[in-house]
Amino acid sequence: MLKIHYINGSIDGTIALDPAQLTGDVNIDRSSAYVQQFVGGSVVAIGSDGYIKLAEDGDAGVGVLVNDVAGYSFENTPALASGKAPAIIGGCVADTDRVKETDIVPGDLLYVGTGSDAGLLTKVKPQELTLVEGTPNTVDKYASEAVAVARTANSVADKTVTVQVF
């Protein structure tokens, strides 16, 4: 869920879905695990293959997904029809429930989750990447940079939080 208050950047509607994951049948595609993972308010990035993915800590060029890619049966489904998903790039102030914790307070710095928390905002700073002596440096990500700050608190009863995304 995403409710936009202000857009500091712009909405980029050109972020491509992986065509190999789409059948061309909206009803089949809407229910696929690939499409279902892209929920409005999730943090997304461009994968090395050039297609949208749930962002993980360290991904550059993250944005906030505007709508669920699956859409609803009573709506026009532009993401599935065009193969492109809209995301806010360049920052925004918005309400989202795509956060890991239920104890966020105003001023908490928020990071992008990893693993099963990919695409979620989390107040837990992921571990910095460290190099083991004698191994080549192949890390090309910017680990553990905050991507947002909380403006309101949330709770177990209402996970929604207002965030300012950088």
Protein backbone atom coordinates (compact mmCIF):
# COMPACT_ATOMS: atom_id res chain seq x y z
CA MET A 1 0.00 0.00 0.00
CA LEU A 2 1.25 3.44 -0.90
CA LYS A 3 -0.39 6.82 -0.36
CA ILE A 4 1.73 9.61 -1.83
CA HIS A 5 1.78 13.01 -0.11
CA TYR A 6 4.59 14.71 -2.05
CA ILE A 7 6.87 13.70 -4.90
CA ASN A 8 10.35 15.21 -4.75
CA GLY A 9 11.48 13.48 -7.93
CA SER A 10 9.19 11.99 -10.57
CA ILE A 11 7.26 8.87 -11.45
CA ASP A 12 9.21 6.66 -13.83
CA GLY A 13 6.83 4.41 -15.75
CA THR A 14 9.52 2.71 -17.82
CA ILE A 15 10.82 0.08 -15.40
CA ALA A 16 10.50 -3.16 -17.36
CA LEU A 17 9.06 -6.42 -16.10
CA ASP A 18 10.93 -9.55 -17.20
CA PRO A 19 9.03 -10.71 -20.32
CA ALA A 20 10.24 -14.27 -19.74
CA GLN A 21 8.11 -14.26 -16.56
CA LEU A 22 4.93 -13.17 -18.38
CA THR A 23 2.65 -15.39 -20.48
CA GLY A 24 0.59 -12.65 -22.10
CA ASP A 25 -2.55 -13.90 -20.34
CA VAL A 26 -3.43 -11.26 -17.71
CA ASN A 27 -5.32 -13.73 -15.51
CA ILE A 28 -2.39 -16.15 -15.39
CA ASP A 29 0.22 -13.43 -15.01
CA ARG A 30 -1.71 -11.63 -12.26
CA SER A 31 -1.54 -14.70 -10.03
CA SER A 32 2.11 -15.60 -10.71
CA ALA A 33 4.58 -15.40 -7.83
CA TYR A 34 6.78 -13.12 -9.97
CA VAL A 35 4.03 -10.51 -10.37
CA GLN A 36 2.59 -10.90 -6.85
CA GLN A 37 5.89 -9.89 -5.23
CA PHE A 38 5.63 -6.35 -6.61
CA VAL A 39 3.29 -4.61 -4.16
CA GLY A 40 2.72 -0.86 -4.10
CA GLY A 41 4.99 0.80 -1.54
CA SER A 42 7.75 -1.78 -1.98
CA VAL A 43 11.27 -0.59 -2.64
CA VAL A 44 12.43 -1.69 -6.09
CA ALA A 45 15.58 -1.49 -8.17
CA ILE A 46 16.80 -2.48 -11.61
CA GLY A 47 18.48 -5.90 -11.65
CA SER A 48 21.64 -6.70 -13.59
CA ASP A 49 19.38 -8.15 -16.30
CA GLY A 50 17.70 -4.73 -16.75
CA TYR A 51 14.37 -5.77 -15.21
CA ILE A 52 12.60 -4.69 -12.04
CA LYS A 53 13.42 -6.52 -8.82
CA LEU A 54 12.71 -6.06 -5.15
CA ALA A 55 15.54 -3.90 -3.85
CA GLU A 56 17.99 -5.24 -1.33
CA ASP A 57 20.43 -3.39 0.86
CA GLY A 58 23.22 -2.10 -1.32
CA ASP A 59 21.26 -1.76 -4.57
CA ALA A 60 21.76 1.56 -6.29
CA GLY A 61 18.97 3.46 -8.01
CA VAL A 62 16.10 2.39 -5.80
CA GLY A 63 12.55 3.67 -6.18
CA VAL A 64 9.18 3.14 -4.52
CA LEU A 65 6.63 1.11 -6.47
CA VAL A 66 3.47 3.18 -7.03
CA ASN A 67 0.89 0.40 -7.57
CA ASP A 68 0.62 -3.35 -7.21
CA VAL A 69 1.83 -4.76 -10.53
CA ALA A 70 -0.94 -7.37 -10.44
CA GLY A 71 -3.67 -4.74 -10.27
CA TYR A 72 -7.22 -5.90 -9.63
CA SER A 73 -9.68 -7.66 -11.93
CA PHE A 74 -11.98 -4.61 -12.03
CA GLU A 75 -9.12 -2.25 -13.03
CA ASN A 76 -7.18 -1.58 -16.13
CA THR A 77 -3.92 -3.45 -15.65
CA PRO A 78 -1.36 -1.18 -17.29
CA ALA A 79 1.72 -2.86 -15.80
CA LEU A 80 0.78 -6.28 -17.17
CA ALA A 81 -0.44 -4.83 -20.47
CA SER A 82 2.68 -2.75 -21.08
CA GLY A 83 5.26 -4.88 -19.29
CA LYS A 84 6.36 -1.80 -17.33
CA ALA A 85 5.88 -0.79 -13.70
CA PRO A 86 5.76 2.77 -12.29
CA ALA A 87 8.02 3.76 -9.41
CA ILE A 88 8.82 7.06 -7.73
CA ILE A 89 12.45 7.97 -8.23
CA GLY A 90 14.21 10.91 -6.63
CA GLY A 91 12.31 10.76 -3.36
CA CYS A 92 8.87 11.29 -1.90
CA VAL A 93 6.87 11.63 1.28
CA ALA A 94 4.35 8.79 1.50
CA ASP A 95 2.47 6.40 3.74
CA THR A 96 3.43 2.74 3.34
CA ASP A 97 2.86 -0.52 5.14
CA ARG A 98 5.79 -2.17 3.34
CA VAL A 99 7.95 -2.07 6.49
CA LYS A 100 9.37 -4.93 8.52
CA GLU A 101 8.89 -3.65 12.07
CA THR A 102 5.82 -2.55 14.01
CA ASP A 103 7.73 -0.34 16.46
CA ILE A 104 9.05 2.40 14.16
CA VAL A 105 9.12 5.91 15.65
CA PRO A 106 9.62 9.34 14.07
CA GLY A 107 13.24 9.94 13.19
CA ASP A 108 14.17 6.28 12.69
CA LEU A 109 16.47 5.86 9.72
CA LEU A 110 15.15 3.18 7.39
CA TYR A 111 17.18 0.84 5.22
CA VAL A 112 16.30 -1.66 2.50
CA GLY A 113 15.90 -5.21 3.77
CA THR A 114 17.75 -8.25 2.47
CA GLY A 115 16.81 -11.86 1.71
CA SER A 116 13.17 -12.51 2.58
CA ASP A 117 12.87 -8.82 3.58
CA ALA A 118 13.87 -7.56 0.11
CA GLY A 119 11.64 -4.69 -0.95
CA LEU A 120 10.76 -3.79 2.64
CA LEU A 121 11.96 -0.84 4.67
CA THR A 122 13.59 -1.80 7.96
CA LYS A 123 15.04 0.21 10.84
CA VAL A 124 17.68 -2.45 11.42
CA LYS A 125 20.87 -1.39 9.68
CA PRO A 126 22.12 -4.40 7.69
CA GLN A 127 25.62 -5.56 8.43
CA GLU A 128 28.37 -3.75 6.58
CA LEU A 129 30.10 -5.85 3.96
CA THR A 130 33.53 -6.88 5.09
CA LEU A 131 36.33 -8.36 3.09
CA VAL A 132 38.15 -11.47 4.19
CA GLU A 133 41.91 -11.10 3.98
CA GLY A 134 43.28 -12.82 0.90
CA THR A 135 40.05 -12.66 -1.12
CA PRO A 136 39.60 -10.30 -4.05
CA ASN A 137 37.28 -7.33 -3.65
CA THR A 138 34.29 -8.13 -5.84
CA VAL A 139 31.74 -6.10 -3.89
CA ASP A 140 30.22 -3.32 -5.99
CA LYS A 141 27.28 -2.34 -3.80
CA TYR A 142 26.84 0.52 -1.39
CA ALA A 143 25.86 -1.40 1.71
CA SER A 144 23.75 -0.09 4.54
CA GLU A 145 22.89 3.42 3.40
CA ALA A 146 19.63 4.76 4.79
CA VAL A 147 17.02 5.29 2.06
CA ALA A 148 14.30 6.93 4.18
CA VAL A 149 13.45 8.46 7.54
CA ALA A 150 10.25 7.78 9.47
CA ARG A 151 7.98 10.77 10.07
CA THR A 152 5.35 8.92 12.12
CA ALA A 153 5.19 5.89 14.36
CA ASN A 154 3.51 2.59 13.60
CA SER A 155 2.21 -0.29 15.71
CA VAL A 156 1.05 -3.90 15.59
CA ALA A 157 -2.51 -2.63 15.06
CA ASP A 158 -1.48 -0.37 12.15
CA LYS A 159 1.82 -1.09 10.42
CA THR A 160 1.49 2.02 8.20
CA VAL A 161 4.16 4.67 8.62
CA THR A 162 4.76 8.01 6.91
CA VAL A 163 8.26 8.09 5.45
CA GLN A 164 10.45 10.56 3.62
CA VAL A 165 12.30 8.59 0.97
CA PHE A 166 15.61 10.17 -0.12
